C-alpha cells in the first residue's frame, strides 16, 4: 500500500487534448464578437472590398487619424 497514484501519460494526454479543445472552442466563440467590432469601424467601401479586416490600422481606427485630424493648408 505504499504506492502513490500519480498522473500517468494517459491523464496528461487527456488534459492536454481537453485544454487544446477548450482553447479552440473559446476562439470560435470569441471571433464573431471581434469581427462585429472590427467591421463597425470599417467604411462600407472597405467592407465590400474585403481584404484584411482582422487587424484594422489604416482606417478610422488608427491613432493618427483619430487623434490628429489632417491639417488644412
PDB file of N, CA and C in Angstrom:
ATOM      1  N   UNK A   1       0.799  -1.189   0.000  1.00  0.00           N
ATOM      2  CA  UNK A   1       0.000   0.000   0.000  1.00  0.00           C
ATOM      3  C   UNK A   1       0.847   1.261   0.000  1.00  0.00           C
ATOM      4  N   UNK A   2       2.121   1.158  -0.189  1.00  0.00           N
ATOM      5  CA  UNK A   2       2.986   2.323  -0.206  1.00  0.00           C
ATOM      6  C   UNK A   2       3.030   2.989  -1.581  1.00  0.00           C
ATOM      7  N   UNK A   3       2.323   2.457  -2.557  1.00  0.00           N
ATOM      8  CA  UNK A   3       2.342   3.015  -3.916  1.00  0.00           C
ATOM      9  C   UNK A   3       1.416   4.229  -3.989  1.00  0.00           C
ATOM     10  N   UNK A   4       1.956   5.356  -4.511  1.00  0.00           N
ATOM     11  CA  UNK A   4       1.134   6.560  -4.676  1.00  0.00           C
ATOM     12  C   UNK A   4       0.592   6.608  -6.089  1.00  0.00           C
ATOM     13  N   UNK A   5      -0.554   7.180  -6.197  1.00  0.00           N
ATOM     14  CA  UNK A   5      -1.189   7.293  -7.511  1.00  0.00           C
ATOM     15  C   UNK A   5      -0.847   8.661  -8.082  1.00  0.00           C
ATOM     16  N   UNK A   6      -0.212   8.682  -9.230  1.00  0.00           N
ATOM     17  CA  UNK A   6       0.156   9.933  -9.883  1.00  0.00           C
ATOM     18  C   UNK A   6      -0.496  10.025 -11.245  1.00  0.00           C
ATOM     19  N   UNK A   7      -0.286  11.154 -11.856  1.00  0.00           N
ATOM     20  CA  UNK A   7      -0.847  11.352 -13.188  1.00  0.00           C
ATOM     21  C   UNK A   7       0.003  10.595 -14.202  1.00  0.00           C
ATOM     22  N   UNK A   8      -0.593   9.647 -14.829  1.00  0.00           N
ATOM     23  CA  UNK A   8       0.102   8.864 -15.837  1.00  0.00           C
ATOM     24  C   UNK A   8       0.075   9.564 -17.190  1.00  0.00           C
ATOM     25  N   UNK A   9       0.643   8.897 -18.167  1.00  0.00           N
ATOM     26  CA  UNK A   9       0.702   9.503 -19.502  1.00  0.00           C
ATOM     27  C   UNK A   9      -0.685   9.684 -20.090  1.00  0.00           C
ATOM     28  N   UNK A  10      -1.603   8.792 -19.770  1.00  0.00           N
ATOM     29  CA  UNK A  10      -2.954   8.919 -20.322  1.00  0.00           C
ATOM     30  C   UNK A  10      -3.688  10.118 -19.710  1.00  0.00           C
ATOM     31  N   UNK A  11      -3.448  10.379 -18.416  1.00  0.00           N
ATOM     32  CA  UNK A  11      -4.060  11.562 -17.791  1.00  0.00           C
ATOM     33  C   UNK A  11      -3.504  12.849 -18.393  1.00  0.00           C
ATOM     34  N   UNK A  12      -2.193  12.884 -18.591  1.00  0.00           N
ATOM     35  CA  UNK A  12      -1.583  14.076 -19.184  1.00  0.00           C
ATOM     36  C   UNK A  12      -2.042  14.281 -20.623  1.00  0.00           C
ATOM     37  N   UNK A  13      -2.178  13.203 -21.363  1.00  0.00           N
ATOM     38  CA  UNK A  13      -2.664  13.289 -22.737  1.00  0.00           C
ATOM     39  C   UNK A  13      -4.101  13.809 -22.767  1.00  0.00           C
ATOM     40  N   UNK A  14      -4.927  13.309 -21.874  1.00  0.00           N
ATOM     41  CA  UNK A  14      -6.317  13.760 -21.800  1.00  0.00           C
ATOM     42  C   UNK A  14      -6.394  15.239 -21.430  1.00  0.00           C
ATOM     43  N   UNK A  15      -5.611  15.678 -20.451  1.00  0.00           N
ATOM     44  CA  UNK A  15      -5.626  17.088 -20.049  1.00  0.00           C
ATOM     45  C   UNK A  15      -5.117  18.000 -21.159  1.00  0.00           C
ATOM     46  N   UNK A  16      -4.104  17.565 -21.882  1.00  0.00           N
ATOM     47  CA  UNK A  16      -3.586  18.357 -22.998  1.00  0.00           C
ATOM     48  C   UNK A  16      -4.633  18.470 -24.101  1.00  0.00           C
ATOM     49  N   UNK A  17      -5.242  17.359 -24.469  1.00  0.00           N
ATOM     50  CA  UNK A  17      -6.267  17.367 -25.516  1.00  0.00           C
ATOM     51  C   UNK A  17      -7.454  18.223 -25.102  1.00  0.00           C
ATOM     52  N   UNK A  18      -7.880  18.099 -23.847  1.00  0.00           N
ATOM     53  CA  UNK A  18      -9.012  18.890 -23.362  1.00  0.00           C
ATOM     54  C   UNK A  18      -8.680  20.379 -23.355  1.00  0.00           C
ATOM     55  N   UNK A  19      -7.473  20.732 -22.944  1.00  0.00           N
ATOM     56  CA  UNK A  19      -7.059  22.132 -22.945  1.00  0.00           C
ATOM     57  C   UNK A  19      -7.037  22.729 -24.341  1.00  0.00           C
ATOM     58  N   UNK A  20      -6.478  21.995 -25.303  1.00  0.00           N
ATOM     59  CA  UNK A  20      -6.447  22.467 -26.696  1.00  0.00           C
ATOM     60  C   UNK A  20      -7.857  22.612 -27.244  1.00  0.00           C
ATOM     61  N   UNK A  21      -8.710  21.660 -26.950  1.00  0.00           N
ATOM     62  CA  UNK A  21     -10.094  21.712 -27.422  1.00  0.00           C
ATOM     63  C   UNK A  21     -10.834  22.919 -26.839  1.00  0.00           C
ATOM     64  N   UNK A  22     -10.644  23.178 -25.545  1.00  0.00           N
ATOM     65  CA  UNK A  22     -11.305  24.332 -24.922  1.00  0.00           C
ATOM     66  C   UNK A  22     -10.791  25.659 -25.473  1.00  0.00           C
ATOM     67  N   UNK A  23      -9.509  25.745 -25.771  1.00  0.00           N
ATOM     68  CA  UNK A  23      -8.963  26.964 -26.384  1.00  0.00           C
ATOM     69  C   UNK A  23      -9.573  27.177 -27.763  1.00  0.00           C
ATOM     70  N   UNK A  24      -9.676  26.127 -28.561  1.00  0.00           N
ATOM     71  CA  UNK A  24     -10.275  26.256 -29.896  1.00  0.00           C
ATOM     72  C   UNK A  24     -11.743  26.668 -29.818  1.00  0.00           C
ATOM     73  N   UNK A  25     -12.491  26.076 -28.907  1.00  0.00           N
ATOM     74  CA  UNK A  25     -13.903  26.440 -28.746  1.00  0.00           C
ATOM     75  C   UNK A  25     -14.020  27.894 -28.293  1.00  0.00           C
ATOM     76  N   UNK A  26     -13.138  28.324 -27.399  1.00  0.00           N
ATOM     77  CA  UNK A  26     -13.148  29.713 -26.954  1.00  0.00           C
ATOM     78  C   UNK A  26     -12.866  30.685 -28.089  1.00  0.00           C
ATOM     79  N   UNK A  27     -11.909  30.350 -28.954  1.00  0.00           N
ATOM     80  CA  UNK A  27     -11.613  31.209 -30.103  1.00  0.00           C
ATOM     81  C   UNK A  27     -12.781  31.266 -31.078  1.00  0.00           C
ATOM     82  N   UNK A  28     -13.420  30.136 -31.289  1.00  0.00           N
ATOM     83  CA  UNK A  28     -14.575  30.103 -32.195  1.00  0.00           C
ATOM     84  C   UNK A  28     -15.716  30.954 -31.642  1.00  0.00           C
ATOM     85  N   UNK A  29     -15.884  30.962 -30.335  1.00  0.00           N
ATOM     86  CA  UNK A  29     -16.949  31.775 -29.725  1.00  0.00           C
ATOM     87  C   UNK A  29     -16.584  33.254 -29.693  1.00  0.00           C
ATOM     88  N   UNK A  30     -15.305  33.584 -29.572  1.00  0.00           N
ATOM     89  CA  UNK A  30     -14.853  34.975 -29.474  1.00  0.00           C
ATOM     90  C   UNK A  30     -14.817  35.664 -30.834  1.00  0.00           C
ATOM     91  N   UNK A  31     -14.498  34.932 -31.909  1.00  0.00           N
ATOM     92  CA  UNK A  31     -14.293  35.524 -33.228  1.00  0.00           C
ATOM     93  C   UNK A  31     -15.483  36.327 -33.750  1.00  0.00           C
ATOM     94  N   UNK A  32     -16.724  35.861 -33.652  1.00  0.00           N
ATOM     95  CA  UNK A  32     -17.837  36.673 -34.175  1.00  0.00           C
ATOM     96  C   UNK A  32     -17.963  38.038 -33.496  1.00  0.00           C
ATOM     97  N   UNK A  33     -17.728  38.106 -32.196  1.00  0.00           N
ATOM     98  CA  UNK A  33     -17.795  39.385 -31.493  1.00  0.00           C
ATOM     99  C   UNK A  33     -16.673  40.317 -31.948  1.00  0.00           C
ATOM    100  N   UNK A  34     -15.476  39.773 -32.099  1.00  0.00           N
ATOM    101  CA  UNK A  34     -14.346  40.566 -32.584  1.00  0.00           C
ATOM    102  C   UNK A  34     -14.620  41.072 -34.003  1.00  0.00           C
ATOM    103  N   UNK A  35     -15.183  40.226 -34.841  1.00  0.00           N
ATOM    104  CA  UNK A  35     -15.484  40.610 -36.223  1.00  0.00           C
ATOM    105  C   UNK A  35     -16.506  41.743 -36.268  1.00  0.00           C
ATOM    106  N   UNK A  36     -17.515  41.693 -35.414  1.00  0.00           N
ATOM    107  CA  UNK A  36     -18.526  42.754 -35.382  1.00  0.00           C
ATOM    108  C   UNK A  36     -17.891  44.075 -34.990  1.00  0.00           C
ATOM    109  N   UNK A  37     -17.010  44.073 -34.013  1.00  0.00           N
ATOM    110  CA  UNK A  37     -16.347  45.302 -33.584  1.00  0.00           C
ATOM    111  C   UNK A  37     -15.467  45.849 -34.697  1.00  0.00           C
ATOM    112  N   UNK A  38     -14.702  44.991 -35.360  1.00  0.00           N
ATOM    113  CA  UNK A  38     -13.809  45.451 -36.428  1.00  0.00           C
ATOM    114  C   UNK A  38     -14.605  45.990 -37.610  1.00  0.00           C
ATOM    115  N   UNK A  39     -15.683  45.320 -38.005  1.00  0.00           N
ATOM    116  CA  UNK A  39     -16.494  45.768 -39.137  1.00  0.00           C
ATOM    117  C   UNK A  39     -17.209  47.077 -38.807  1.00  0.00           C
ATOM    118  N   UNK A  40     -17.535  47.290 -37.548  1.00  0.00           N
ATOM    119  CA  UNK A  40     -18.219  48.532 -37.187  1.00  0.00           C
ATOM    120  C   UNK A  40     -17.321  49.746 -37.375  1.00  0.00           C
ATOM    121  N   UNK A  41     -16.014  49.572 -37.345  1.00  0.00           N
ATOM    122  CA  UNK A  41     -15.092  50.683 -37.571  1.00  0.00           C
ATOM    123  C   UNK A  41     -14.689  50.820 -39.036  1.00  0.00           C
ATOM    124  N   UNK A  42     -15.015  49.861 -39.865  1.00  0.00           N
ATOM    125  CA  UNK A  42     -14.652  49.909 -41.282  1.00  0.00           C
ATOM    126  C   UNK A  42     -15.693  50.710 -42.056  1.00  0.00           C
ATOM    127  N   UNK A  43     -15.241  51.333 -43.122  1.00  0.00           N
ATOM    128  CA  UNK A  43     -16.165  52.038 -44.002  1.00  0.00           C
ATOM    129  C   UNK A  43     -16.879  51.013 -44.873  1.00  0.00           C
ATOM    130  N   UNK A  44     -18.039  51.370 -45.442  1.00  0.00           N
ATOM    131  CA  UNK A  44     -18.725  50.417 -46.320  1.00  0.00           C
ATOM    132  C   UNK A  44     -17.866  49.979 -47.508  1.00  0.00           C
ATOM    133  N   UNK A  45     -17.057  50.896 -48.038  1.00  0.00           N
ATOM    134  CA  UNK A  45     -16.195  50.524 -49.169  1.00  0.00           C
ATOM    135  C   UNK A  45     -15.147  49.508 -48.739  1.00  0.00           C
ATOM    136  N   UNK A  46     -14.570  49.686 -47.551  1.00  0.00           N
ATOM    137  CA  UNK A  46     -13.587  48.721 -47.056  1.00  0.00           C
ATOM    138  C   UNK A  46     -14.230  47.363 -46.809  1.00  0.00           C
ATOM    139  N   UNK A  47     -15.451  47.381 -46.311  1.00  0.00           N
ATOM    140  CA  UNK A  47     -16.152  46.126 -46.039  1.00  0.00           C
ATOM    141  C   UNK A  47     -16.450  45.376 -47.329  1.00  0.00           C
ATOM    142  N   UNK A  48     -16.926  46.100 -48.358  1.00  0.00           N
ATOM    143  CA  UNK A  48     -17.230  45.450 -49.643  1.00  0.00           C
ATOM    144  C   UNK A  48     -15.970  44.947 -50.324  1.00  0.00           C
ATOM    145  N   UNK A  49     -14.865  45.684 -50.155  1.00  0.00           N
ATOM    146  CA  UNK A  49     -13.614  45.297 -50.791  1.00  0.00           C
ATOM    147  C   UNK A  49     -13.027  44.040 -50.163  1.00  0.00           C
ATOM    148  N   UNK A  50     -13.324  43.834 -48.899  1.00  0.00           N
ATOM    149  CA  UNK A  50     -12.781  42.663 -48.213  1.00  0.00           C
ATOM    150  C   UNK A  50     -11.405  42.978 -47.677  1.00  0.00           C
ATOM    151  N   UNK A  51     -10.455  42.119 -47.974  1.00  0.00           N
ATOM    152  CA  UNK A  51      -9.099  42.361 -47.504  1.00  0.00           C
ATOM    153  C   UNK A  51      -8.938  41.958 -46.051  1.00  0.00           C
ATOM    154  N   UNK A  52      -8.006  42.602 -45.392  1.00  0.00           N
ATOM    155  CA  UNK A  52      -7.696  42.262 -44.008  1.00  0.00           C
ATOM    156  C   UNK A  52      -8.500  43.122 -43.045  1.00  0.00           C
ATOM    157  N   UNK A  53      -9.656  42.632 -42.639  1.00  0.00           N
ATOM    158  CA  UNK A  53     -10.444  43.330 -41.646  1.00  0.00           C
ATOM    159  C   UNK A  53     -10.120  42.844 -40.238  1.00  0.00           C
ATOM    160  N   UNK A  54      -9.236  41.853 -40.127  1.00  0.00           N
ATOM    161  CA  UNK A  54      -8.940  41.318 -38.808  1.00  0.00           C
ATOM    162  C   UNK A  54      -8.069  42.251 -37.982  1.00  0.00           C
ATOM    163  N   UNK A  55      -7.210  43.013 -38.618  1.00  0.00           N
ATOM    164  CA  UNK A  55      -6.317  43.908 -37.903  1.00  0.00           C
ATOM    165  C   UNK A  55      -6.457  45.318 -38.461  1.00  0.00           C
ATOM    166  N   UNK A  56      -7.440  46.075 -37.994  1.00  0.00           N
ATOM    167  CA  UNK A  56      -7.603  47.425 -38.523  1.00  0.00           C
ATOM    168  C   UNK A  56      -6.452  48.306 -38.068  1.00  0.00           C
ATOM    169  N   UNK A  57      -6.060  49.234 -38.910  1.00  0.00           N
ATOM    170  CA  UNK A  57      -4.968  50.107 -38.525  1.00  0.00           C
ATOM    171  C   UNK A  57      -4.778  51.233 -39.512  1.00  0.00           C
ATOM    172  N   UNK A  58      -5.293  51.086 -40.709  1.00  0.00           N
ATOM    173  CA  UNK A  58      -5.102  52.134 -41.695  1.00  0.00           C
ATOM    174  C   UNK A  58      -6.380  52.919 -41.958  1.00  0.00           C
ATOM    175  N   UNK A  59      -7.420  52.639 -41.248  1.00  0.00           N
ATOM    176  CA  UNK A  59      -8.686  53.348 -41.441  1.00  0.00           C
ATOM    177  C   UNK A  59      -8.957  54.296 -40.291  1.00  0.00           C
ATOM    178  N   UNK A  60     -10.208  54.387 -39.908  1.00  0.00           N
ATOM    179  CA  UNK A  60     -10.588  55.298 -38.838  1.00  0.00           C
ATOM    180  C   UNK A  60     -10.128  54.828 -37.472  1.00  0.00           C
ATOM    181  N   UNK A  61      -9.651  53.615 -37.365  1.00  0.00           N
ATOM    182  CA  UNK A  61      -9.233  53.093 -36.061  1.00  0.00           C
ATOM    183  C   UNK A  61      -7.820  53.508 -35.691  1.00  0.00           C
ATOM    184  N   UNK A  62      -7.046  53.963 -36.659  1.00  0.00           N
ATOM    185  CA  UNK A  62      -5.661  54.254 -36.342  1.00  0.00           C
ATOM    186  C   UNK A  62      -5.554  55.478 -35.445  1.00  0.00           C
ATOM    187  N   UNK A  63      -4.536  55.487 -34.631  1.00  0.00           N
ATOM    188  CA  UNK A  63      -4.346  56.550 -33.652  1.00  0.00           C
ATOM    189  C   UNK A  63      -4.129  57.890 -34.324  1.00  0.00           C
ATOM    190  N   UNK A  64      -3.373  57.909 -35.410  1.00  0.00           N
ATOM    191  CA  UNK A  64      -3.059  59.190 -36.047  1.00  0.00           C
ATOM    192  C   UNK A  64      -4.285  59.823 -36.670  1.00  0.00           C
ATOM    193  N   UNK A  65      -5.160  59.024 -37.275  1.00  0.00           N
ATOM    194  CA  UNK A  65      -6.338  59.619 -37.906  1.00  0.00           C
ATOM    195  C   UNK A  65      -7.419  59.963 -36.882  1.00  0.00           C
ATOM    196  N   UNK A  66      -7.397  59.334 -35.725  1.00  0.00           N
ATOM    197  CA  UNK A  66      -8.403  59.611 -34.711  1.00  0.00           C
ATOM    198  C   UNK A  66      -8.046  60.831 -33.886  1.00  0.00           C
ATOM    199  N   UNK A  67      -6.808  60.898 -33.425  1.00  0.00           N
ATOM    200  CA  UNK A  67      -6.418  61.971 -32.517  1.00  0.00           C
ATOM    201  C   UNK A  67      -5.804  63.175 -33.223  1.00  0.00           C
ATOM    202  N   UNK A  68      -5.309  62.992 -34.416  1.00  0.00           N
ATOM    203  CA  UNK A  68      -4.681  64.091 -35.153  1.00  0.00           C
ATOM    204  C   UNK A  68      -5.351  64.234 -36.521  1.00  0.00           C
ATOM    205  N   UNK A  69      -6.379  65.071 -36.631  1.00  0.00           N
ATOM    206  CA  UNK A  69      -7.049  65.220 -37.925  1.00  0.00           C
ATOM    207  C   UNK A  69      -6.101  65.857 -38.938  1.00  0.00           C
ATOM    208  N   UNK A  70      -6.341  65.635 -40.231  1.00  0.00           N
ATOM    209  CA  UNK A  70      -5.455  66.204 -41.246  1.00  0.00           C
ATOM    210  C   UNK A  70      -5.488  67.732 -41.203  1.00  0.00           C
ATOM    211  N   UNK A  71      -4.320  68.310 -41.417  1.00  0.00           N
ATOM    212  CA  UNK A  71      -4.204  69.768 -41.407  1.00  0.00           C
ATOM    213  C   UNK A  71      -4.567  70.322 -42.769  1.00  0.00           C
ATOM    214  N   UNK A  72      -5.212  71.465 -42.728  1.00  0.00           N
ATOM    215  CA  UNK A  72      -5.566  72.136 -43.983  1.00  0.00           C
ATOM    216  C   UNK A  72      -4.479  73.143 -44.318  1.00  0.00           C
ATOM    217  N   UNK A  73      -4.071  73.159 -45.579  1.00  0.00           N
ATOM    218  CA  UNK A  73      -3.019  74.114 -45.956  1.00  0.00           C
ATOM    219  C   UNK A  73      -3.568  75.372 -46.563  1.00  0.00           C
TER     220      UNK A  73
END
